[in-house]
Amino acid sequence: MQPPPDTGPPSQRVRPGVLRWLGYAMGAGLPPRHRTWVLHDTTTGTWVLRHVARSLAQLAVPIALVLLLVPGPFWIRGVAALGGLILGLAFSIAYMPEATENRVKKAGYPPGTAQAVRDRSSAQRQARDTERRRAAAARRAARYRDRRSG
C-alpha cells in the first residue's frame, strides 16, 4: 500500500457550507472539491469530537420527532428522547473508526487511509514529545551539573 496522502495545506481545503455539512453529517457524499477537507475532518486531532457532532446532528431529527409528536407527558417523552440519545451515541462511538473510514472512501480515498493518516500523525506527535522531553532532561542535567560544580 502506498503512503497515505497528506490532508493538504489549509488553503487547499474547501470547507462545505452549512447545508452541505448537514447533508454530509447525515451520510451524503460531498463534491470532489471538498475531498481534502473530508480527510482532514476525519483525521485531525479533534476527529472524535467532530464525529460526535455529526452523530448529534443525525440524532437531532428523531429526538425532535419524539419530543414533538409522541403523545403523553413531556417528561416521559424527554426520558425516551434521552434514552435514544444515549443509545445512539453509544452505537456511534462503538463504530466510529468504521464510520470515518466510510466517509473517507466516499471522498475517493482508498480504504484504510484515515487510520493510516491518524497513525502517522500520532507517530510524529510522539517523536516531537520524545524530543521535547529529551531536551528538557538535558537542560535539567546541565543545571544540576552547574549547581554541583559551583
C-alpha atoms as a PDB file:
ATOM      1  CA  MET A   1       0.000   0.000   0.000  1.00  0.00           C
ATOM      2  CA  GLN A   2       1.327   3.431  -0.885  1.00  0.00           C
ATOM      3  CA  PRO A   3       1.860   6.048   1.811  1.00  0.00           C
ATOM      4  CA  PRO A   4      -1.305   7.881   2.772  1.00  0.00           C
ATOM      5  CA  PRO A   5      -1.913  11.262   1.178  1.00  0.00           C
ATOM      6  CA  ASP A   6      -1.446  14.369   3.213  1.00  0.00           C
ATOM      7  CA  THR A   7      -4.506  16.304   4.282  1.00  0.00           C
ATOM      8  CA  GLY A   8      -3.089  19.232   2.345  1.00  0.00           C
ATOM      9  CA  PRO A   9      -2.406  22.747   3.485  1.00  0.00           C
ATOM     10  CA  PRO A  10      -5.370  24.642   4.930  1.00  0.00           C
ATOM     11  CA  SER A  11      -5.511  26.851   1.835  1.00  0.00           C
ATOM     12  CA  GLN A  12      -6.372  23.807  -0.324  1.00  0.00           C
ATOM     13  CA  ARG A  13      -9.134  22.561   1.953  1.00  0.00           C
ATOM     14  CA  VAL A  14     -12.587  23.757   0.974  1.00  0.00           C
ATOM     15  CA  ARG A  15     -14.971  23.604   3.907  1.00  0.00           C
ATOM     16  CA  PRO A  16     -18.575  22.840   2.956  1.00  0.00           C
ATOM     17  CA  GLY A  17     -21.353  25.286   3.730  1.00  0.00           C
ATOM     18  CA  VAL A  18     -23.870  24.645   6.488  1.00  0.00           C
ATOM     19  CA  LEU A  19     -26.425  22.837   4.308  1.00  0.00           C
ATOM     20  CA  ARG A  20     -23.778  20.678   2.643  1.00  0.00           C
ATOM     21  CA  TRP A  21     -22.291  19.897   6.048  1.00  0.00           C
ATOM     22  CA  LEU A  22     -25.723  18.825   7.311  1.00  0.00           C
ATOM     23  CA  GLY A  23     -26.069  16.530   4.314  1.00  0.00           C
ATOM     24  CA  TYR A  24     -22.551  15.224   4.958  1.00  0.00           C
ATOM     25  CA  ALA A  25     -23.424  14.650   8.615  1.00  0.00           C
ATOM     26  CA  MET A  26     -26.484  12.681   7.527  1.00  0.00           C
ATOM     27  CA  GLY A  27     -24.302  10.443   5.351  1.00  0.00           C
ATOM     28  CA  ALA A  28     -24.341  12.142   1.955  1.00  0.00           C
ATOM     29  CA  GLY A  29     -21.144  12.472  -0.012  1.00  0.00           C
ATOM     30  CA  LEU A  30     -19.540  15.808  -0.810  1.00  0.00           C
ATOM     31  CA  PRO A  31     -18.359  17.119  -4.182  1.00  0.00           C
ATOM     32  CA  PRO A  32     -14.724  16.397  -5.150  1.00  0.00           C
ATOM     33  CA  ARG A  33     -13.566  19.899  -4.193  1.00  0.00           C
ATOM     34  CA  HIS A  34     -14.219  19.003  -0.525  1.00  0.00           C
ATOM     35  CA  ARG A  35     -12.111  15.840  -0.747  1.00  0.00           C
ATOM     36  CA  THR A  36      -9.142  17.107   1.280  1.00  0.00           C
ATOM     37  CA  TRP A  37     -11.468  18.645   3.858  1.00  0.00           C
ATOM     38  CA  VAL A  38     -13.156  15.262   4.409  1.00  0.00           C
ATOM     39  CA  LEU A  39      -9.773  13.653   5.045  1.00  0.00           C
ATOM     40  CA  HIS A  40      -8.848  16.489   7.403  1.00  0.00           C
ATOM     41  CA  ASP A  41     -12.227  16.209   9.156  1.00  0.00           C
ATOM     42  CA  THR A  42     -11.703  12.512   9.854  1.00  0.00           C
ATOM     43  CA  THR A  43      -8.024  12.661  10.817  1.00  0.00           C
ATOM     44  CA  THR A  44      -7.422  15.923  12.672  1.00  0.00           C
ATOM     45  CA  GLY A  45      -6.726  15.934  16.394  1.00  0.00           C
ATOM     46  CA  THR A  46     -10.395  16.640  17.100  1.00  0.00           C
ATOM     47  CA  TRP A  47     -11.760  13.896  14.827  1.00  0.00           C
ATOM     48  CA  VAL A  48     -13.552  12.190  17.720  1.00  0.00           C
ATOM     49  CA  LEU A  49     -15.372  15.403  18.692  1.00  0.00           C
ATOM     50  CA  ARG A  50     -16.238  16.029  15.037  1.00  0.00           C
ATOM     51  CA  HIS A  51     -17.669  12.515  14.795  1.00  0.00           C
ATOM     52  CA  VAL A  52     -19.788  13.103  17.901  1.00  0.00           C
ATOM     53  CA  ALA A  53     -21.033  16.401  16.416  1.00  0.00           C
ATOM     54  CA  ARG A  54     -22.064  14.598  13.217  1.00  0.00           C
ATOM     55  CA  SER A  55     -23.795  11.933  15.299  1.00  0.00           C
ATOM     56  CA  LEU A  56     -25.686  14.556  17.281  1.00  0.00           C
ATOM     57  CA  ALA A  57     -26.806  16.160  14.015  1.00  0.00           C
ATOM     58  CA  GLN A  58     -28.102  12.763  12.869  1.00  0.00           C
ATOM     59  CA  LEU A  59     -29.879  12.134  16.151  1.00  0.00           C
ATOM     60  CA  ALA A  60     -31.466  15.591  16.272  1.00  0.00           C
ATOM     61  CA  VAL A  61     -34.235  14.667  13.830  1.00  0.00           C
ATOM     62  CA  PRO A  62     -35.591  11.552  15.605  1.00  0.00           C
ATOM     63  CA  ILE A  63     -35.173  13.204  19.010  1.00  0.00           C
ATOM     64  CA  ALA A  64     -37.159  16.230  17.842  1.00  0.00           C
ATOM     65  CA  LEU A  65     -39.854  13.979  16.399  1.00  0.00           C
ATOM     66  CA  VAL A  66     -40.161  12.065  19.675  1.00  0.00           C
ATOM     67  CA  LEU A  67     -40.362  15.281  21.672  1.00  0.00           C
ATOM     68  CA  LEU A  68     -42.918  16.895  19.352  1.00  0.00           C
ATOM     69  CA  LEU A  69     -45.120  14.095  18.026  1.00  0.00           C
ATOM     70  CA  VAL A  70     -45.323  11.317  20.602  1.00  0.00           C
ATOM     71  CA  PRO A  71     -48.368  11.752  22.839  1.00  0.00           C
ATOM     72  CA  GLY A  72     -48.017  11.814  26.601  1.00  0.00           C
ATOM     73  CA  PRO A  73     -46.468  13.928  29.295  1.00  0.00           C
ATOM     74  CA  PHE A  74     -43.364  15.837  28.298  1.00  0.00           C
ATOM     75  CA  TRP A  75     -41.212  14.233  30.973  1.00  0.00           C
ATOM     76  CA  ILE A  76     -41.886  10.772  29.525  1.00  0.00           C
ATOM     77  CA  ARG A  77     -41.054  11.980  26.020  1.00  0.00           C
ATOM     78  CA  GLY A  78     -37.924  13.646  27.404  1.00  0.00           C
ATOM     79  CA  VAL A  79     -36.758  10.485  29.130  1.00  0.00           C
ATOM     80  CA  ALA A  80     -37.447   8.448  25.972  1.00  0.00           C
ATOM     81  CA  ALA A  81     -35.517  11.001  23.895  1.00  0.00           C
ATOM     82  CA  LEU A  82     -32.626  10.950  26.366  1.00  0.00           C
ATOM     83  CA  GLY A  83     -32.540   7.143  26.272  1.00  0.00           C
ATOM     84  CA  GLY A  84     -32.486   7.221  22.476  1.00  0.00           C
ATOM     85  CA  LEU A  85     -29.747   9.835  22.517  1.00  0.00           C
ATOM     86  CA  ILE A  86     -27.576   7.798  24.878  1.00  0.00           C
ATOM     87  CA  LEU A  87     -28.119   4.580  22.910  1.00  0.00           C
ATOM     88  CA  GLY A  88     -27.496   6.317  19.584  1.00  0.00           C
ATOM     89  CA  LEU A  89     -24.275   7.902  20.815  1.00  0.00           C
ATOM     90  CA  ALA A  90     -23.112   4.585  22.277  1.00  0.00           C
ATOM     91  CA  PHE A  91     -23.511   2.857  18.911  1.00  0.00           C
ATOM     92  CA  SER A  92     -21.984   5.798  17.085  1.00  0.00           C
ATOM     93  CA  ILE A  93     -18.902   5.773  19.290  1.00  0.00           C
ATOM     94  CA  ALA A  94     -18.611   1.983  19.076  1.00  0.00           C
ATOM     95  CA  TYR A  95     -18.411   2.135  15.270  1.00  0.00           C
ATOM     96  CA  MET A  96     -16.510   5.419  14.998  1.00  0.00           C
ATOM     97  CA  PRO A  97     -13.424   4.150  13.096  1.00  0.00           C
ATOM     98  CA  GLU A  98     -15.564   2.296  10.556  1.00  0.00           C
ATOM     99  CA  ALA A  99     -17.874   5.271  10.048  1.00  0.00           C
ATOM    100  CA  THR A 100     -14.993   7.663   9.443  1.00  0.00           C
ATOM    101  CA  GLU A 101     -13.314   5.230   7.040  1.00  0.00           C
ATOM    102  CA  ASN A 102     -16.583   5.016   5.111  1.00  0.00           C
ATOM    103  CA  ARG A 103     -16.673   8.817   4.794  1.00  0.00           C
ATOM    104  CA  VAL A 104     -13.107   8.853   3.522  1.00  0.00           C
ATOM    105  CA  LYS A 105     -13.903   6.095   0.995  1.00  0.00           C
ATOM    106  CA  LYS A 106     -16.870   8.155  -0.249  1.00  0.00           C
ATOM    107  CA  ALA A 107     -14.451  11.041  -0.812  1.00  0.00           C
ATOM    108  CA  GLY A 108     -12.389   8.833  -3.115  1.00  0.00           C
ATOM    109  CA  TYR A 109      -9.542   7.689  -0.886  1.00  0.00           C
ATOM    110  CA  PRO A 110      -8.535   4.017  -0.595  1.00  0.00           C
ATOM    111  CA  PRO A 111      -9.779   2.025   2.409  1.00  0.00           C
ATOM    112  CA  GLY A 112      -7.587   2.485   5.483  1.00  0.00           C
ATOM    113  CA  THR A 113      -6.427   5.976   4.552  1.00  0.00           C
ATOM    114  CA  ALA A 114      -7.924   7.771   7.572  1.00  0.00           C
ATOM    115  CA  GLN A 115      -6.413   5.326  10.049  1.00  0.00           C
ATOM    116  CA  ALA A 116      -3.043   5.484   8.294  1.00  0.00           C
ATOM    117  CA  VAL A 117      -3.039   9.303   8.447  1.00  0.00           C
ATOM    118  CA  ARG A 118      -4.036   9.248  12.134  1.00  0.00           C
ATOM    119  CA  ASP A 119      -1.302   6.673  12.871  1.00  0.00           C
ATOM    120  CA  ARG A 120       1.308   8.750  11.054  1.00  0.00           C
ATOM    121  CA  SER A 121       0.227  11.916  12.921  1.00  0.00           C
ATOM    122  CA  SER A 122       0.375  10.043  16.212  1.00  0.00           C
ATOM    123  CA  ALA A 123       3.898   8.793  15.478  1.00  0.00           C
ATOM    124  CA  GLN A 124       5.032  12.321  14.549  1.00  0.00           C
ATOM    125  CA  ARG A 125       3.449  13.762  17.697  1.00  0.00           C
ATOM    126  CA  GLN A 126       5.107  11.071  19.808  1.00  0.00           C
ATOM    127  CA  ALA A 127       8.505  11.782  18.210  1.00  0.00           C
ATOM    128  CA  ARG A 128       8.103  15.525  18.918  1.00  0.00           C
ATOM    129  CA  ASP A 129       7.119  14.805  22.522  1.00  0.00           C
ATOM    130  CA  THR A 130      10.072  12.462  22.981  1.00  0.00           C
ATOM    131  CA  GLU A 131      12.470  15.047  21.596  1.00  0.00           C
ATOM    132  CA  ARG A 132      10.955  17.741  23.816  1.00  0.00           C
ATOM    133  CA  ARG A 133      11.355  15.500  26.892  1.00  0.00           C
ATOM    134  CA  ARG A 134      14.971  14.682  25.963  1.00  0.00           C
ATOM    135  CA  ALA A 135      15.776  18.381  25.587  1.00  0.00           C
ATOM    136  CA  ALA A 136      14.135  19.165  28.928  1.00  0.00           C
ATOM    137  CA  ALA A 137      16.071  16.343  30.616  1.00  0.00           C
ATOM    138  CA  ALA A 138      19.321  17.651  29.109  1.00  0.00           C
ATOM    139  CA  ARG A 139      18.576  21.159  30.422  1.00  0.00           C
ATOM    140  CA  ARG A 140      17.834  19.781  33.887  1.00  0.00           C
ATOM    141  CA  ALA A 141      21.037  17.726  33.843  1.00  0.00           C
ATOM    142  CA  ALA A 142      23.045  20.792  32.795  1.00  0.00           C
ATOM    143  CA  ARG A 143      21.518  22.857  35.628  1.00  0.00           C
ATOM    144  CA  TYR A 144      22.287  20.056  38.077  1.00  0.00           C
ATOM    145  CA  ARG A 145      25.924  19.806  36.870  1.00  0.00           C
ATOM    146  CA  ASP A 146      26.282  23.602  37.131  1.00  0.00           C
ATOM    147  CA  ARG A 147      24.986  23.591  40.707  1.00  0.00           C
ATOM    148  CA  ARG A 148      27.225  20.677  41.691  1.00  0.00           C
ATOM    149  CA  SER A 149      30.357  22.221  40.204  1.00  0.00           C
ATOM    150  CA  GLY A 150      29.763  25.729  41.548  1.00  0.00           C
END
